[in-house]
Every structure is written in structure tokens, then in C-alpha cells.
Amino acid sequence: MSKIKQFAQPGLPLTAPVLYILLALGLKERHGYDILKQVERDSGGAIHLGPGTLYTTLKRLLDEGLIVEVADRPVAEHDDPRRRYYRLTAAGGTVLTTELRRLERAVALARQGRLLDAASPAVDHAGGR
């Protein structure tokens, strides 16, 4: 399956970089470096995107129609003309919401089974607890 078609499959999980990029753009329009910094903040430093990963992912998201490049730019004196700004589209918002709901259900199941309790024993992958 192509990477682009991944976004069109309902219920198929997003990769962590895609999820965090969509989250960053769901908050506000951003340029590439701002996206990198927001992803790092939002993930607690767990996700470090390099420029290659970021711009490859942005291109895939653009091609799929989940984000768009923004034509309106900040005031020139506060901006670098080389920057490209991106925002989430309605389709991107739908994909993000679907993924967040999927994760919410998974966390609810984990809580129900007390898998998130600090005192709960480790899961035995051989079939029991």
C-alpha cells in the first residue's frame, strides 16, 4: 500500500510523525520549523523530526489534501519569504479526529482493564498476567 493511500483507509492508524504534525496544524497555521518545534514539545521530546522526514510527510499530506499551503502570510517584517505556511483542511481535521477517537477508545479499554494503573503487574505476553 502506498504511503498516500494510508490516509484514505478508515481506521488505519497514523504514524506518530503524521499524528503530531496534524495536531500541530490543528492548533494553528505554521511554517516548517515551527511544526518541528511544536511536534517536539507536544511529544515531550520523544519525536524528533529531521527536515527530510518533515518535508516528505508534508508533501504526502498536501498530495492527499489533508493540509494546504497558506497564501496569506504574516507581515513581511516579521517573516522570512522562504518560509511556507501550512494549515489543516476539513479532510485533515476529519482524519485527525478519527485517529484521536480511535486512540481514546484504546485508552478507555486500557483503563477498564487497569492496564494503565501504576500498581498493575506487567502483562505476561505468554497469555496471562
Protein backbone atom coordinates (compact mmCIF):
# COMPACT_ATOMS: atom_id res chain seq x y z
CA MET A 1 0.00 0.00 0.00
CA SER A 2 1.37 3.43 -0.89
CA LYS A 3 2.01 5.88 1.91
CA ILE A 4 -0.54 8.29 0.43
CA LYS A 5 -3.30 5.68 0.37
CA GLN A 6 -2.66 5.05 4.07
CA PHE A 7 -4.59 8.23 4.91
CA ALA A 8 -7.61 7.11 2.89
CA GLN A 9 -8.09 3.88 4.86
CA PRO A 10 -10.63 4.47 7.65
CA GLY A 11 -9.43 3.18 10.99
CA LEU A 12 -5.85 2.60 9.85
CA PRO A 13 -3.57 4.14 12.49
CA LEU A 14 -1.50 7.18 11.61
CA THR A 15 2.23 7.14 12.17
CA ALA A 16 3.41 9.17 15.15
CA PRO A 17 5.01 11.89 12.96
CA VAL A 18 1.80 12.30 10.91
CA LEU A 19 -0.34 12.42 14.04
CA TYR A 20 1.81 15.06 15.71
CA ILE A 21 2.10 17.16 12.52
CA LEU A 22 -1.69 17.14 12.13
CA LEU A 23 -2.07 18.03 15.82
CA ALA A 24 0.35 20.95 15.43
CA LEU A 25 -1.52 22.24 12.39
CA GLY A 26 -4.86 21.70 14.10
CA LEU A 27 -3.84 24.30 16.67
CA LYS A 28 -2.82 26.99 14.14
CA GLU A 29 -1.15 27.65 10.80
CA ARG A 30 2.59 27.02 10.96
CA HIS A 31 5.77 27.00 8.92
CA GLY A 32 8.12 24.02 8.81
CA TYR A 33 10.49 24.95 11.62
CA ASP A 34 7.55 25.86 13.86
CA ILE A 35 5.99 22.45 13.12
CA LEU A 36 9.27 20.73 14.08
CA LYS A 37 9.41 22.57 17.40
CA GLN A 38 5.71 22.01 18.18
CA VAL A 39 5.97 18.27 17.47
CA GLU A 40 8.94 18.04 19.81
CA ARG A 41 7.07 19.96 22.56
CA ASP A 42 3.83 18.02 22.12
CA SER A 43 5.60 14.64 22.19
CA GLY A 44 7.62 15.54 25.26
CA GLY A 45 10.78 15.26 23.18
CA ALA A 46 10.02 11.68 22.11
CA ILE A 47 9.67 12.61 18.43
CA HIS A 48 12.49 14.44 16.68
CA LEU A 49 11.67 15.13 13.06
CA GLY A 50 14.51 15.89 10.71
CA PRO A 51 13.90 18.19 7.76
CA GLY A 52 13.76 15.24 5.33
CA THR A 53 11.07 13.43 7.31
CA LEU A 54 9.11 16.64 7.87
CA TYR A 55 9.05 17.82 4.26
CA THR A 56 8.43 14.34 2.83
CA THR A 57 5.49 13.96 5.20
CA LEU A 58 4.18 17.45 4.43
CA LYS A 59 4.29 16.66 0.71
CA ARG A 60 2.30 13.45 1.26
CA LEU A 61 -0.24 15.33 3.39
CA LEU A 62 -0.51 18.04 0.71
CA ASP A 63 -0.94 15.44 -2.05
CA GLU A 64 -3.71 13.74 -0.06
CA GLY A 65 -5.48 17.04 0.60
CA LEU A 66 -5.13 16.84 4.39
CA ILE A 67 -3.21 20.12 4.57
CA VAL A 68 -2.81 23.12 2.26
CA GLU A 69 -0.16 25.73 1.81
CA VAL A 70 -1.45 29.08 3.05
CA ALA A 71 -1.38 32.01 0.63
CA ASP A 72 -1.78 34.71 3.30
CA ARG A 73 1.48 35.39 5.06
CA PRO A 74 2.46 37.30 8.18
CA VAL A 75 3.65 40.88 7.88
CA ALA A 76 6.86 40.84 5.82
CA GLU A 77 8.99 42.45 8.53
CA HIS A 78 8.14 39.53 10.86
CA ASP A 79 8.60 36.80 8.29
CA ASP A 80 11.18 35.10 6.12
CA PRO A 81 9.94 34.98 2.49
CA ARG A 82 11.39 31.48 2.08
CA ARG A 83 9.00 30.04 4.66
CA ARG A 84 5.94 28.11 3.59
CA TYR A 85 2.96 28.08 5.91
CA TYR A 86 0.52 25.18 6.17
CA ARG A 87 -2.91 24.63 7.66
CA LEU A 88 -5.19 21.67 8.24
CA THR A 89 -8.04 21.15 5.74
CA ALA A 90 -11.50 19.86 6.63
CA ALA A 91 -10.41 16.42 5.37
CA GLY A 92 -7.30 16.65 7.53
CA GLY A 93 -9.43 17.56 10.52
CA THR A 94 -11.63 14.53 9.88
CA VAL A 95 -8.61 12.21 9.70
CA LEU A 96 -7.17 13.73 12.87
CA THR A 97 -10.48 13.45 14.75
CA THR A 98 -10.93 9.84 13.62
CA GLU A 99 -7.44 8.95 14.86
CA LEU A 100 -7.94 10.75 18.18
CA ARG A 101 -11.21 8.90 18.74
CA ARG A 102 -9.50 5.58 17.94
CA LEU A 103 -6.79 6.37 20.48
CA GLU A 104 -9.39 7.49 23.00
CA ARG A 105 -11.19 4.12 22.69
CA ALA A 106 -7.90 2.26 23.13
CA VAL A 107 -7.04 4.24 26.26
CA ALA A 108 -10.55 3.65 27.65
CA LEU A 109 -10.11 -0.10 27.15
CA ALA A 110 -6.69 0.01 28.80
CA ARG A 111 -8.13 1.88 31.78
CA GLN A 112 -11.04 -0.54 32.01
CA GLY A 113 -8.58 -3.43 32.18
CA ARG A 114 -6.41 -1.46 34.60
CA LEU A 115 -3.52 -1.62 32.20
CA LEU A 116 -2.61 1.98 32.94
CA ASP A 117 -2.56 1.59 36.72
CA ALA A 118 0.93 2.16 38.06
CA ALA A 119 0.42 -0.69 40.53
CA SER A 120 -0.82 -3.21 37.96
CA PRO A 121 1.52 -6.12 37.22
CA ALA A 122 3.27 -6.32 33.88
CA VAL A 123 1.40 -8.19 31.19
CA ASP A 124 2.77 -11.67 30.53
CA HIS A 125 2.94 -11.92 26.74
CA ALA A 126 2.67 -15.71 27.00
CA GLY A 127 -1.05 -15.42 27.66
CA GLY A 128 -1.75 -14.15 31.14
CA ARG A 129 -0.89 -11.50 33.65
